[in-house]
């Protein structure tokens, strides 16, 4: 009898523990949707993108002729690029957000 009670309690605790975990990462501000999108101002923070990854992300967002990419003191990749025929300053923050000037 005691074995059945212990087994039921163990099964219930395992089921409760796994249902409490969520695969939704929206609570973490550093994890964004994989597609780049624009924001008003880049977020400051430690940026783990390599130069090649930053260039690729900008090109995937529709920018061409990406050049002079450098990481500034705030961890934001900054450079120049062309989009719709206009040369612009582009910035990519650690979240993957793109800002233009």
Protein backbone atom coordinates (compact mmCIF):
# COMPACT_ATOMS: atom_id res chain seq x y z
CA UNK A 1 0.00 0.00 0.00
CA UNK A 2 2.76 2.45 0.94
CA UNK A 3 4.58 1.70 -2.30
CA UNK A 4 1.54 2.76 -4.32
CA UNK A 5 1.23 6.03 -2.40
CA UNK A 6 4.93 6.80 -2.79
CA UNK A 7 4.79 5.97 -6.51
CA UNK A 8 1.75 8.24 -6.97
CA UNK A 9 3.46 11.12 -5.15
CA UNK A 10 6.63 10.66 -7.19
CA UNK A 11 4.69 10.58 -10.47
CA UNK A 12 2.74 13.72 -9.51
CA UNK A 13 5.90 15.63 -8.56
CA UNK A 14 7.64 14.72 -11.83
CA UNK A 15 4.61 15.77 -13.89
CA UNK A 16 4.30 19.06 -12.00
CA UNK A 17 8.00 19.86 -12.42
CA UNK A 18 7.99 19.39 -16.17
CA UNK A 19 4.81 21.37 -16.72
CA UNK A 20 6.25 24.30 -14.76
CA UNK A 21 9.05 24.68 -17.26
CA UNK A 22 8.22 26.71 -20.32
CA UNK A 23 9.88 26.81 -23.71
CA UNK A 24 8.76 30.43 -24.18
CA UNK A 25 11.81 32.67 -23.82
CA UNK A 26 9.97 35.97 -24.08
CA UNK A 27 10.90 36.88 -20.50
CA UNK A 28 14.56 37.12 -21.49
CA UNK A 29 15.23 40.49 -23.18
CA UNK A 30 18.45 39.23 -24.76
CA UNK A 31 16.65 36.61 -26.82
CA UNK A 32 14.69 38.04 -29.70
CA UNK A 33 12.95 36.68 -32.75
CA UNK A 34 15.53 35.39 -35.27
CA UNK A 35 14.55 37.96 -37.91
CA UNK A 36 16.06 41.41 -37.58
CA UNK A 37 13.80 44.38 -37.07
CA UNK A 38 14.28 48.08 -36.49
CA UNK A 39 14.15 49.93 -33.20
CA UNK A 40 14.42 53.60 -32.28
CA UNK A 41 17.63 53.19 -30.29
CA UNK A 42 20.12 50.32 -30.00
CA UNK A 43 20.37 48.56 -26.65
CA UNK A 44 23.64 48.84 -24.79
CA UNK A 45 25.19 45.56 -23.71
CA UNK A 46 27.81 42.94 -24.33
CA UNK A 47 27.46 41.92 -27.98
CA UNK A 48 28.38 38.35 -28.92
CA UNK A 49 27.88 38.77 -32.68
CA UNK A 50 31.06 38.42 -34.71
CA UNK A 51 31.67 40.93 -37.50
CA UNK A 52 30.64 38.32 -40.08
CA UNK A 53 27.42 37.55 -38.18
CA UNK A 54 26.59 41.26 -37.86
CA UNK A 55 27.21 41.78 -41.59
CA UNK A 56 25.04 38.77 -42.45
CA UNK A 57 22.21 39.97 -40.22
CA UNK A 58 22.27 43.41 -41.87
CA UNK A 59 22.34 41.90 -45.36
CA UNK A 60 19.45 39.59 -44.48
CA UNK A 61 17.47 42.70 -43.42
CA UNK A 62 17.91 44.20 -46.91
CA UNK A 63 21.11 46.25 -46.57
CA UNK A 64 23.87 45.97 -49.17
CA UNK A 65 27.42 47.29 -49.43
CA UNK A 66 27.86 46.94 -45.66
CA UNK A 67 31.21 48.46 -44.74
CA UNK A 68 33.30 49.92 -41.92
CA UNK A 69 31.66 47.72 -39.28
CA UNK A 70 33.15 48.26 -35.85
CA UNK A 71 31.89 47.56 -32.35
CA UNK A 72 31.58 50.73 -30.26
CA UNK A 73 32.12 51.10 -26.50
CA UNK A 74 28.44 50.22 -25.85
CA UNK A 75 28.75 46.87 -27.63
CA UNK A 76 26.84 48.03 -30.73
CA UNK A 77 28.07 47.14 -34.22
CA UNK A 78 28.12 50.33 -36.28
CA UNK A 79 28.91 50.91 -39.95
CA UNK A 80 27.54 52.12 -43.26
CA UNK A 81 25.28 50.36 -45.73
CA UNK A 82 23.00 50.99 -48.69
CA UNK A 83 19.27 50.32 -48.67
CA UNK A 84 16.84 51.36 -51.39
CA UNK A 85 19.65 53.29 -53.08
CA UNK A 86 20.43 55.48 -50.06
CA UNK A 87 23.63 55.24 -48.03
CA UNK A 88 22.94 55.21 -44.29
CA UNK A 89 24.58 54.55 -40.93
CA UNK A 90 23.48 51.21 -39.50
CA UNK A 91 23.73 49.86 -35.96
CA UNK A 92 23.15 46.33 -34.68
CA UNK A 93 22.74 45.81 -30.93
CA UNK A 94 23.29 42.64 -28.89
CA UNK A 95 19.62 41.70 -29.28
CA UNK A 96 19.92 41.70 -33.08
CA UNK A 97 17.89 44.90 -33.49
CA UNK A 98 18.84 47.26 -36.31
CA UNK A 99 18.84 51.05 -36.03
CA UNK A 100 19.53 53.48 -38.89
CA UNK A 101 20.47 57.16 -39.01
